[in-house]
PDB file of N, CA and C in Angstrom:
ATOM      1  N   MET A   1      59.092 -94.989 -63.240  1.00  0.00           N
ATOM      2  CA  MET A   1      58.660 -95.833 -64.338  1.00  0.00           C
ATOM      3  C   MET A   1      58.000 -97.120 -63.856  1.00  0.00           C
ATOM      4  N   ARG A   2      58.218 -97.493 -62.621  1.00  0.00           N
ATOM      5  CA  ARG A   2      57.646 -98.742 -62.134  1.00  0.00           C
ATOM      6  C   ARG A   2      56.116 -98.713 -62.057  1.00  0.00           C
ATOM      7  N   LEU A   3      55.523 -97.557 -62.120  1.00  0.00           N
ATOM      8  CA  LEU A   3      54.067 -97.468 -62.041  1.00  0.00           C
ATOM      9  C   LEU A   3      53.395 -97.751 -63.383  1.00  0.00           C
ATOM     10  N   VAL A   4      54.101 -97.620 -64.492  1.00  0.00           N
ATOM     11  CA  VAL A   4      53.494 -97.718 -65.812  1.00  0.00           C
ATOM     12  C   VAL A   4      53.498 -99.139 -66.381  1.00  0.00           C
ATOM     13  N   PRO A   5      54.652 -99.783 -66.554  1.00  0.00           N
ATOM     14  CA  PRO A   5      54.649-101.103 -67.207  1.00  0.00           C
ATOM     15  C   PRO A   5      54.187-102.225 -66.284  1.00  0.00           C
ATOM     16  N   HIS A   6      53.734-103.304 -66.891  1.00  0.00           N
ATOM     17  CA  HIS A   6      53.313-104.467 -66.125  1.00  0.00           C
ATOM     18  C   HIS A   6      54.483-105.379 -65.780  1.00  0.00           C
ATOM     19  N   ASP A   7      55.497-105.400 -66.614  1.00  0.00           N
ATOM     20  CA  ASP A   7      56.647-106.271 -66.411  1.00  0.00           C
ATOM     21  C   ASP A   7      57.909-105.452 -66.642  1.00  0.00           C
ATOM     22  N   LEU A   8      58.536-105.018 -65.574  1.00  0.00           N
ATOM     23  CA  LEU A   8      59.695-104.148 -65.667  1.00  0.00           C
ATOM     24  C   LEU A   8      60.907-104.827 -65.069  1.00  0.00           C
ATOM     25  N   GLU A   9      62.020-104.749 -65.764  1.00  0.00           N
ATOM     26  CA  GLU A   9      63.285-105.235 -65.234  1.00  0.00           C
ATOM     27  C   GLU A   9      64.238-104.058 -65.171  1.00  0.00           C
ATOM     28  N   SER A  10      65.021-104.003 -64.125  1.00  0.00           N
ATOM     29  CA  SER A  10      66.026-102.955 -64.017  1.00  0.00           C
ATOM     30  C   SER A  10      67.349-103.586 -63.599  1.00  0.00           C
ATOM     31  N   LEU A  11      68.419-102.898 -63.904  1.00  0.00           N
ATOM     32  CA  LEU A  11      69.752-103.402 -63.619  1.00  0.00           C
ATOM     33  C   LEU A  11      70.669-102.221 -63.382  1.00  0.00           C
ATOM     34  N   ILE A  12      71.504-102.322 -62.390  1.00  0.00           N
ATOM     35  CA  ILE A  12      72.520-101.309 -62.128  1.00  0.00           C
ATOM     36  C   ILE A  12      73.865-101.904 -62.507  1.00  0.00           C
ATOM     37  N   LEU A  13      74.532-101.263 -63.439  1.00  0.00           N
ATOM     38  CA  LEU A  13      75.855-101.712 -63.849  1.00  0.00           C
ATOM     39  C   LEU A  13      76.895-101.034 -62.959  1.00  0.00           C
ATOM     40  N   PRO A  14      77.704-101.804 -62.245  1.00  0.00           N
ATOM     41  CA  PRO A  14      78.706-101.205 -61.366  1.00  0.00           C
ATOM     42  C   PRO A  14      79.739-100.390 -62.144  1.00  0.00           C
ATOM     43  N   ASN A  15      80.184 -99.329 -61.532  1.00  0.00           N
ATOM     44  CA  ASN A  15      81.217 -98.456 -62.111  1.00  0.00           C
ATOM     45  C   ASN A  15      80.809 -97.891 -63.466  1.00  0.00           C
ATOM     46  N   CYS A  16      79.528 -97.580 -63.615  1.00  0.00           N
ATOM     47  CA  CYS A  16      79.019 -97.067 -64.876  1.00  0.00           C
ATOM     48  C   CYS A  16      78.128 -95.859 -64.595  1.00  0.00           C
ATOM     49  N   GLY A  17      78.279 -94.846 -65.442  1.00  0.00           N
ATOM     50  CA  GLY A  17      77.472 -93.644 -65.273  1.00  0.00           C
ATOM     51  C   GLY A  17      76.432 -93.499 -66.357  1.00  0.00           C
ATOM     52  N   HIS A  18      76.680 -92.590 -67.291  1.00  0.00           N
ATOM     53  CA  HIS A  18      75.686 -92.251 -68.305  1.00  0.00           C
ATOM     54  C   HIS A  18      75.878 -92.957 -69.636  1.00  0.00           C
ATOM     55  N   TYR A  19      77.020 -93.577 -69.860  1.00  0.00           N
ATOM     56  CA  TYR A  19      77.320 -94.184 -71.158  1.00  0.00           C
ATOM     57  C   TYR A  19      77.706 -95.654 -70.998  1.00  0.00           C
ATOM     58  N   PRO A  20      76.731 -96.517 -70.739  1.00  0.00           N
ATOM     59  CA  PRO A  20      77.057 -97.918 -70.454  1.00  0.00           C
ATOM     60  C   PRO A  20      77.769 -98.633 -71.607  1.00  0.00           C
ATOM     61  N   ALA A  21      77.461 -98.285 -72.837  1.00  0.00           N
ATOM     62  CA  ALA A  21      78.109 -98.944 -73.973  1.00  0.00           C
ATOM     63  C   ALA A  21      79.609 -98.642 -74.006  1.00  0.00           C
ATOM     64  N   GLU A  22      80.006 -97.496 -73.499  1.00  0.00           N
ATOM     65  CA  GLU A  22      81.424 -97.126 -73.467  1.00  0.00           C
ATOM     66  C   GLU A  22      82.080 -97.485 -72.144  1.00  0.00           C
ATOM     67  N   GLU A  23      81.349 -97.325 -71.050  1.00  0.00           N
ATOM     68  CA  GLU A  23      81.933 -97.491 -69.724  1.00  0.00           C
ATOM     69  C   GLU A  23      81.951 -98.932 -69.239  1.00  0.00           C
ATOM     70  N   ALA A  24      80.984 -99.733 -69.667  1.00  0.00           N
ATOM     71  CA  ALA A  24      80.907-101.133 -69.222  1.00  0.00           C
ATOM     72  C   ALA A  24      80.347-101.997 -70.359  1.00  0.00           C
ATOM     73  N   PRO A  25      81.061-102.076 -71.485  1.00  0.00           N
ATOM     74  CA  PRO A  25      80.506-102.782 -72.641  1.00  0.00           C
ATOM     75  C   PRO A  25      80.245-104.268 -72.395  1.00  0.00           C
ATOM     76  N   GLU A  26      81.119-104.930 -71.646  1.00  0.00           N
ATOM     77  CA  GLU A  26      80.916-106.357 -71.385  1.00  0.00           C
ATOM     78  C   GLU A  26      79.678-106.589 -70.527  1.00  0.00           C
ATOM     79  N   ALA A  27      79.500-105.783 -69.511  1.00  0.00           N
ATOM     80  CA  ALA A  27      78.337-105.916 -68.626  1.00  0.00           C
ATOM     81  C   ALA A  27      77.051-105.579 -69.366  1.00  0.00           C
ATOM     82  N   MET A  28      77.106-104.567 -70.226  1.00  0.00           N
ATOM     83  CA  MET A  28      75.917-104.199 -70.994  1.00  0.00           C
ATOM     84  C   MET A  28      75.550-105.298 -71.979  1.00  0.00           C
ATOM     85  N   LEU A  29      76.540-105.852 -72.659  1.00  0.00           N
ATOM     86  CA  LEU A  29      76.282-106.933 -73.605  1.00  0.00           C
ATOM     87  C   LEU A  29      75.700-108.154 -72.893  1.00  0.00           C
ATOM     88  N   ALA A  30      76.241-108.487 -71.732  1.00  0.00           N
ATOM     89  CA  ALA A  30      75.716-109.628 -70.969  1.00  0.00           C
ATOM     90  C   ALA A  30      74.271-109.387 -70.556  1.00  0.00           C
ATOM     91  N   ALA A  31      73.961-108.181 -70.116  1.00  0.00           N
ATOM     92  CA  ALA A  31      72.601-107.854 -69.691  1.00  0.00           C
ATOM     93  C   ALA A  31      71.630-107.903 -70.872  1.00  0.00           C
ATOM     94  N   LEU A  32      72.029-107.334 -72.001  1.00  0.00           N
ATOM     95  CA  LEU A  32      71.160-107.338 -73.176  1.00  0.00           C
ATOM     96  C   LEU A  32      70.976-108.747 -73.739  1.00  0.00           C
ATOM     97  N   THR A  33      72.029-109.527 -73.732  1.00  0.00           N
ATOM     98  CA  THR A  33      71.944-110.904 -74.220  1.00  0.00           C
ATOM     99  C   THR A  33      70.963-111.709 -73.377  1.00  0.00           C
ATOM    100  N   ALA A  34      71.058-111.581 -72.068  1.00  0.00           N
ATOM    101  CA  ALA A  34      70.143-112.296 -71.171  1.00  0.00           C
ATOM    102  C   ALA A  34      68.709-111.807 -71.347  1.00  0.00           C
ATOM    103  N   PHE A  35      68.531-110.502 -71.510  1.00  0.00           N
ATOM    104  CA  PHE A  35      67.194-109.939 -71.663  1.00  0.00           C
ATOM    105  C   PHE A  35      66.540-110.373 -72.973  1.00  0.00           C
ATOM    106  N   LEU A  36      67.311-110.434 -74.045  1.00  0.00           N
ATOM    107  CA  LEU A  36      66.763-110.754 -75.353  1.00  0.00           C
ATOM    108  C   LEU A  36      66.734-112.249 -75.664  1.00  0.00           C
ATOM    109  N   ALA A  37      67.342-113.068 -74.845  1.00  0.00           N
ATOM    110  CA  ALA A  37      67.414-114.512 -75.088  1.00  0.00           C
ATOM    111  C   ALA A  37      66.057-115.176 -75.328  1.00  0.00           C
ATOM    112  N   PRO A  38      65.013-114.839 -74.595  1.00  0.00           N
ATOM    113  CA  PRO A  38      63.721-115.481 -74.841  1.00  0.00           C
ATOM    114  C   PRO A  38      63.155-115.221 -76.241  1.00  0.00           C
ATOM    115  N   TYR A  39      63.564-114.146 -76.870  1.00  0.00           N
ATOM    116  CA  TYR A  39      63.045-113.774 -78.182  1.00  0.00           C
ATOM    117  C   TYR A  39      63.886-114.338 -79.329  1.00  0.00           C
ATOM    118  N   ARG A  40      65.018-114.919 -79.008  1.00  0.00           N
ATOM    119  CA  ARG A  40      65.930-115.412 -80.034  1.00  0.00           C
ATOM    120  C   ARG A  40      65.338-116.561 -80.837  1.00  0.00           C
ATOM    121  N   GLU A  41      64.606-117.440 -80.185  1.00  0.00           N
ATOM    122  CA  GLU A  41      64.062-118.622 -80.839  1.00  0.00           C
ATOM    123  C   GLU A  41      62.753-118.378 -81.576  1.00  0.00           C
ATOM    124  N   GLN A  42      62.182-117.201 -81.457  1.00  0.00           N
ATOM    125  CA  GLN A  42      60.885-116.925 -82.081  1.00  0.00           C
ATOM    126  C   GLN A  42      61.019-116.559 -83.523  1.00  0.00           C
TER     127      GLN A  42
END
């Protein structure tokens, strides 16, 4: 996927497999909150 988008971010959640919302909910929420923060004020 790195060949297609101009601005790509990736993250590996430790101790998480295929279901991040179930396996690492706190880490997923933190990652999504940080990713979406710039759009919050718009």
